[in-house]
Amino acid sequence: MRITAGSSRFQIKHVRYGLAGAFFLIALTALLPVMAEADGPGIFGWDLIEWFQDLNDPQKLDLPESLRQMTDYGTEKVVRFFLGTWILTFMLPLIEGALALLLPGEGCLLSSGLGLLVNLTLRLIVTGEIRSMADLQLPLMPVLLWAVLHGAAAALIVWYLARKRMENTKREVYRMEDELLIDEPVRKGRETAVADREFYGAIIGLTGMFKGRAYPMMMGETVFIGSSDGDHVKVRTADMEEASLCQISYDDALGEYRVCPTARRSVHLSSGQPLGAHRLYCLPRGTELTIADSGDRFRLA
């Protein structure tokens, strides 16, 4: 299967919509009971709003017994705390869902992951406060729904990251097998079909016996550098591939060279950094390479 940049955009778009949808549903769970009296009815967010409006006259408050036994200051403090956290449990998922839709690229993944941690921390704080009051308890169904939606959002992030890693591996294999190592240039009869004045790559020797020599590449050709028979640079032949230390082709669409060392520490950049064996590198024109077995240096023209 060919992996393209378009397929990656397709996936992140759907992940973005999935995360936004999950957060918007999480916001709606704030409309369910946020707590309940022991063996009694559930307490909703609008109950908290009514309590807050009647704080100036505590006698009008229809509170659970555990809250009634507090002082007026303590009751007001607890009501304000629960009302504030309830508003946050509604507003934060809306903001997190909007960020999932608006942030470019994969920034939505980081934002959503942080959002999950913030929501979990807030839930733990509220749960601890409710459990400290004997007459209050957490309704089971809203908590389960909240946990399922957060688990779905986390699973979506993990799935995308795992899928992307697999695609990167497949993309590297595809480039190695189906793009880099092209068997033959396009041919018409006995003549190679090359458009006039089109550039298909060239390698120029800078030091050693290859100094000043240029090796132009035809369309679709791969150049092999390094050989056990003494020929260090040669256009692809059947007996050259296994003996080479480096395989180079030119990607006309990208305007860059595809370089694949075939042995460990066989190819170095001008800075001295070695290129990893059997890994594909896309390098711009002007890059200089040094071949380890001879020390000869070449420029990708």
Protein backbone atom coordinates (compact mmCIF):
# COMPACT_ATOMS: atom_id res chain seq x y z
CA MET A 1 0.00 0.00 0.00
CA ARG A 2 1.32 3.43 -0.92
CA ILE A 3 1.32 5.97 1.88
CA THR A 4 0.94 9.59 0.77
CA ALA A 5 0.82 12.94 2.49
CA GLY A 6 -2.81 13.20 1.50
CA SER A 7 -3.74 10.09 3.50
CA SER A 8 -2.09 11.57 6.63
CA ARG A 9 -4.14 14.75 6.29
CA PHE A 10 -7.25 12.64 5.83
CA GLN A 11 -6.58 10.80 9.07
CA ILE A 12 -5.77 13.84 11.21
CA LYS A 13 -8.93 15.54 9.95
CA HIS A 14 -11.10 12.68 11.17
CA VAL A 15 -9.19 12.42 14.46
CA ARG A 16 -9.76 16.16 14.94
CA TYR A 17 -13.51 15.76 14.42
CA GLY A 18 -13.62 12.73 16.70
CA LEU A 19 -11.83 14.55 19.53
CA ALA A 20 -14.03 17.62 19.18
CA GLY A 21 -17.17 15.46 19.23
CA ALA A 22 -15.98 13.61 22.33
CA PHE A 23 -15.29 16.85 24.20
CA PHE A 24 -18.65 18.36 23.22
CA LEU A 25 -20.40 15.23 24.55
CA ILE A 26 -18.33 15.49 27.74
CA ALA A 27 -19.61 19.06 28.15
CA LEU A 28 -23.20 17.77 27.92
CA THR A 29 -22.59 15.40 30.83
CA ALA A 30 -22.64 18.51 33.04
CA LEU A 31 -26.42 18.52 32.48
CA LEU A 32 -26.69 15.21 34.36
CA PRO A 33 -26.75 15.01 38.19
CA VAL A 34 -23.42 16.21 39.56
CA MET A 35 -23.99 14.73 43.01
CA ALA A 36 -26.80 13.13 45.03
CA GLU A 37 -28.11 13.04 48.56
CA ALA A 38 -27.63 9.77 50.42
CA ASP A 39 -30.63 7.62 49.45
CA GLY A 40 -32.17 10.76 47.97
CA PRO A 41 -32.64 12.65 44.69
CA GLY A 42 -29.83 13.87 42.45
CA ILE A 43 -28.49 17.41 42.60
CA PHE A 44 -28.13 19.20 39.24
CA GLY A 45 -26.18 22.23 38.18
CA TRP A 46 -29.26 24.45 38.20
CA ASP A 47 -29.80 23.43 41.85
CA LEU A 48 -26.37 24.89 42.57
CA ILE A 49 -27.37 28.10 40.78
CA GLU A 50 -30.51 28.41 42.94
CA TRP A 51 -28.46 27.83 46.07
CA PHE A 52 -26.03 30.52 45.01
CA GLN A 53 -28.86 33.00 44.41
CA ASP A 54 -30.25 32.37 47.92
CA LEU A 55 -26.93 32.57 49.79
CA ASN A 56 -27.98 35.88 51.36
CA ASP A 57 -30.83 34.07 53.12
CA PRO A 58 -29.55 30.59 54.17
CA GLN A 59 -32.95 29.71 55.68
CA LYS A 60 -34.42 29.47 52.15
CA LEU A 61 -31.77 27.02 51.00
CA ASP A 62 -32.99 23.49 50.34
CA LEU A 63 -29.68 21.83 51.23
CA PRO A 64 -28.68 18.29 52.22
CA GLU A 65 -28.32 17.83 55.97
CA SER A 66 -24.51 17.75 55.80
CA LEU A 67 -24.51 21.27 54.33
CA ARG A 68 -27.19 22.62 56.66
CA GLN A 69 -25.08 21.74 59.70
CA MET A 70 -22.29 24.05 58.54
CA THR A 71 -21.98 27.67 59.56
CA ASP A 72 -23.27 30.28 57.13
CA TYR A 73 -19.71 31.06 56.00
CA GLY A 74 -18.93 27.37 55.53
CA THR A 75 -22.13 26.79 53.56
CA GLU A 76 -21.44 29.74 51.26
CA LYS A 77 -17.88 28.56 50.66
CA VAL A 78 -18.99 25.03 49.76
CA VAL A 79 -21.80 26.22 47.46
CA ARG A 80 -19.42 28.57 45.64
CA PHE A 81 -16.88 25.77 45.26
CA PHE A 82 -19.35 23.28 43.76
CA LEU A 83 -20.92 25.89 41.50
CA GLY A 84 -17.52 27.00 40.21
CA THR A 85 -16.36 23.48 39.50
CA TRP A 86 -19.67 22.66 37.78
CA ILE A 87 -19.26 25.65 35.46
CA LEU A 88 -15.70 24.52 34.70
CA THR A 89 -16.81 20.96 33.92
CA PHE A 90 -19.13 22.46 31.29
CA MET A 91 -16.89 25.21 29.87
CA LEU A 92 -13.55 23.39 29.74
CA PRO A 93 -14.70 20.59 27.38
CA LEU A 94 -16.25 23.22 25.08
CA ILE A 95 -12.91 25.05 24.93
CA GLU A 96 -11.03 21.77 24.43
CA GLY A 97 -13.37 20.76 21.61
CA ALA A 98 -12.92 24.14 19.92
CA LEU A 99 -9.11 23.85 20.19
CA ALA A 100 -9.25 20.37 18.64
CA LEU A 101 -10.97 21.91 15.60
CA LEU A 102 -8.91 25.09 15.36
CA LEU A 103 -5.31 24.08 16.12
CA PRO A 104 -3.33 23.35 12.93
CA GLY A 105 -1.68 20.03 12.17
CA GLU A 106 -1.22 17.67 15.08
CA GLY A 107 -1.34 20.40 17.71
CA CYS A 108 -4.86 19.19 18.51
CA LEU A 109 -3.35 15.98 19.93
CA LEU A 110 -1.25 17.83 22.50
CA SER A 111 -4.12 20.16 23.38
CA SER A 112 -6.55 17.25 23.79
CA GLY A 113 -4.10 15.25 25.89
CA LEU A 114 -3.62 18.19 28.25
CA GLY A 115 -7.39 18.66 28.32
CA LEU A 116 -7.88 15.07 29.44
CA LEU A 117 -5.42 15.58 32.30
CA VAL A 118 -7.10 18.83 33.39
CA ASN A 119 -10.54 17.19 33.36
CA LEU A 120 -9.28 14.21 35.34
CA THR A 121 -7.63 16.47 37.95
CA LEU A 122 -10.81 18.50 38.34
CA ARG A 123 -12.89 15.33 38.72
CA LEU A 124 -10.57 13.98 41.41
CA ILE A 125 -10.79 17.24 43.38
CA VAL A 126 -14.60 17.32 43.23
CA THR A 127 -14.84 13.61 44.10
CA GLY A 128 -12.65 14.11 47.15
CA GLU A 129 -14.82 17.02 48.37
CA ILE A 130 -18.07 15.07 47.91
CA ARG A 131 -16.77 11.99 49.69
CA SER A 132 -15.80 14.14 52.67
CA MET A 133 -19.49 14.86 53.25
CA ALA A 134 -21.48 11.99 54.72
CA ASP A 135 -24.83 12.95 53.15
CA LEU A 136 -23.49 13.43 49.61
CA GLN A 137 -22.43 10.83 47.07
CA LEU A 138 -21.57 10.52 43.40
CA PRO A 139 -24.24 9.22 40.99
CA LEU A 140 -22.83 6.19 39.18
CA MET A 141 -24.23 6.61 35.65
CA PRO A 142 -22.95 10.17 34.94
CA VAL A 143 -19.50 9.20 36.20
CA LEU A 144 -19.43 6.09 33.97
CA LEU A 145 -20.52 8.08 30.92
CA TRP A 146 -17.90 10.75 31.66
CA ALA A 147 -15.21 8.07 32.00
CA VAL A 148 -16.24 6.30 28.76
CA LEU A 149 -16.11 9.51 26.72
CA HIS A 150 -12.70 10.44 28.11
CA GLY A 151 -11.46 6.91 27.46
CA ALA A 152 -12.68 7.15 23.87
CA ALA A 153 -10.80 10.43 23.35
CA ALA A 154 -7.62 8.97 24.84
CA ALA A 155 -7.96 5.82 22.72
CA LEU A 156 -8.36 7.95 19.58
CA ILE A 157 -5.13 9.82 20.33
CA VAL A 158 -3.23 6.58 21.03
CA TRP A 159 -4.65 4.95 17.87
CA TYR A 160 -3.56 7.86 15.69
CA LEU A 161 -0.03 7.95 17.11
CA ALA A 162 0.35 4.17 16.69
CA ARG A 163 -1.06 4.31 13.15
CA LYS A 164 1.23 7.17 12.21
CA ARG A 165 4.27 5.29 13.47
CA MET A 166 3.28 2.24 11.42
CA GLU A 167 2.75 4.40 8.34
CA ASN A 168 6.16 6.03 8.74
CA THR A 169 7.71 2.57 8.78
CA LYS A 170 5.72 1.51 5.72
CA ARG A 171 6.58 4.76 3.96
CA GLU A 172 10.29 4.15 4.47
CA VAL A 173 10.01 0.59 3.17
CA TYR A 174 7.99 1.77 0.18
CA ARG A 175 10.52 4.43 -0.71
CA MET A 176 13.35 1.93 -0.40
CA GLU A 177 11.70 -0.77 -2.49
CA ASP A 178 9.41 1.03 -4.93
CA GLU A 179 10.88 4.49 -5.43
CA LEU A 180 14.59 4.51 -4.69
CA LEU A 181 15.65 1.26 -6.33
CA ILE A 182 14.19 1.71 -9.80
CA ASP A 183 15.38 -1.11 -12.03
CA GLU A 184 15.54 0.65 -15.39
CA PRO A 185 14.97 4.10 -16.86
CA VAL A 186 11.95 4.58 -19.09
CA ARG A 187 12.86 3.39 -22.58
CA LYS A 188 11.35 3.61 -26.04
CA GLY A 189 12.75 0.80 -28.14
CA ARG A 190 16.53 1.00 -27.83
CA GLU A 191 16.63 4.68 -26.92
CA THR A 192 16.18 6.13 -23.47
CA ALA A 193 13.31 8.62 -23.34
CA VAL A 194 14.74 11.81 -21.78
CA ALA A 195 13.01 15.18 -22.18
CA ASP A 196 15.18 18.03 -23.43
CA ARG A 197 16.75 20.29 -20.84
CA GLU A 198 15.20 18.39 -17.90
CA PHE A 199 17.42 17.81 -14.89
CA TYR A 200 17.58 14.28 -13.48
CA GLY A 201 20.49 14.68 -11.11
CA ALA A 202 24.27 14.68 -11.25
CA ILE A 203 27.11 13.75 -8.89
CA ILE A 204 30.39 15.70 -8.99
CA GLY A 205 33.68 14.43 -7.60
CA LEU A 206 35.50 16.90 -5.35
CA THR A 207 38.58 15.01 -4.15
CA GLY A 208 40.74 12.05 -5.08
CA MET A 209 40.72 10.37 -8.45
CA PHE A 210 37.20 11.67 -9.12
CA LYS A 211 38.03 15.34 -8.63
CA GLY A 212 36.37 17.43 -11.34
CA ARG A 213 34.47 14.48 -12.84
CA ALA A 214 30.69 14.65 -13.20
CA TYR A 215 28.27 11.74 -13.35
CA PRO A 216 24.93 12.86 -14.86
CA MET A 217 21.87 10.73 -14.10
CA MET A 218 19.13 9.88 -16.56
CA MET A 219 15.48 9.78 -15.53
CA GLY A 220 14.80 6.93 -13.10
CA GLU A 221 18.43 5.89 -12.75
CA THR A 222 20.17 5.07 -9.49
CA VAL A 223 23.87 5.72 -8.93
CA PHE A 224 25.85 3.38 -6.71
CA ILE A 225 28.94 4.67 -4.87
CA GLY A 226 31.57 2.40 -3.37
CA SER A 227 32.55 -0.95 -4.80
CA SER A 228 34.78 -3.90 -3.98
CA ASP A 229 36.08 -4.00 -7.57
CA GLY A 230 37.65 -0.52 -7.49
CA ASP A 231 34.96 1.36 -9.40
CA HIS A 232 33.70 3.80 -6.80
CA VAL A 233 30.99 5.46 -8.88
CA LYS A 234 28.89 3.72 -11.47
CA VAL A 235 25.39 3.91 -12.85
CA ARG A 236 23.24 1.01 -11.70
CA THR A 237 24.13 -2.42 -13.11
CA ALA A 238 23.09 -5.90 -12.06
CA ASP A 239 26.42 -6.70 -10.40
CA MET A 240 26.83 -3.33 -8.70
CA GLU A 241 24.00 -3.23 -6.17
CA GLU A 242 25.33 -5.74 -3.62
CA ALA A 243 28.86 -4.30 -3.71
CA SER A 244 27.84 -0.65 -3.28
CA LEU A 245 28.14 1.40 -0.10
CA CYS A 246 25.62 4.08 -1.08
CA GLN A 247 22.65 4.30 -3.45
CA ILE A 248 21.56 7.68 -4.81
CA SER A 249 18.64 8.75 -6.98
CA TYR A 250 17.04 12.10 -7.78
CA ASP A 251 13.41 12.92 -6.95
CA ASP A 252 12.29 15.38 -9.60
CA ALA A 253 9.03 16.18 -7.77
CA LEU A 254 10.77 17.10 -4.52
CA GLY A 255 13.86 18.56 -6.13
CA GLU A 256 16.00 16.54 -3.71
CA TYR A 257 18.25 13.50 -3.75
CA ARG A 258 17.33 10.21 -2.11
CA VAL A 259 20.43 8.78 -0.42
CA CYS A 260 20.51 5.32 1.16
CA PRO A 261 23.76 4.02 2.74
CA THR A 262 23.96 0.23 2.54
CA ALA A 263 26.63 -0.27 5.18
CA ARG A 264 27.24 1.09 8.67
CA ARG A 265 29.28 4.34 8.80
CA SER A 266 29.92 4.12 5.07
CA VAL A 267 28.69 7.61 4.22
CA HIS A 268 29.39 10.87 6.07
CA LEU A 269 28.16 14.43 5.62
CA SER A 270 30.65 17.29 5.33
CA SER A 271 30.20 17.90 9.07
CA GLY A 272 31.49 14.38 9.77
CA GLN A 273 28.09 13.03 10.80
CA PRO A 274 27.59 9.44 9.58
CA LEU A 275 24.36 8.42 7.90
CA GLY A 276 22.61 5.34 9.27
CA ALA A 277 22.71 2.15 7.23
CA HIS A 278 19.60 1.13 5.26
CA ARG A 279 17.84 4.40 6.04
CA LEU A 280 16.50 6.79 3.44
CA TYR A 281 17.63 10.44 3.53
CA CYS A 282 16.21 13.23 1.37
CA LEU A 283 19.09 15.69 0.85
CA PRO A 284 19.07 19.00 -1.04
CA ARG A 285 21.25 19.89 -3.99
CA GLY A 286 24.68 21.08 -2.89
CA THR A 287 25.06 18.50 -0.13
CA GLU A 288 28.55 17.00 0.11
CA LEU A 289 29.11 13.32 0.95
CA THR A 290 32.27 11.45 1.90
CA ILE A 291 32.57 7.72 1.20
CA ALA A 292 34.25 5.93 4.07
CA ASP A 293 36.12 3.21 2.18
CA SER A 294 38.08 5.69 0.04
CA GLY A 295 37.61 9.08 1.64
CA ASP A 296 36.50 10.49 -1.70
CA ARG A 297 34.12 13.41 -1.47
CA PHE A 298 31.22 14.12 -3.80
CA ARG A 299 28.67 16.91 -4.24
CA LEU A 300 25.03 16.35 -5.18
CA ALA A 301 24.78 18.93 -7.99
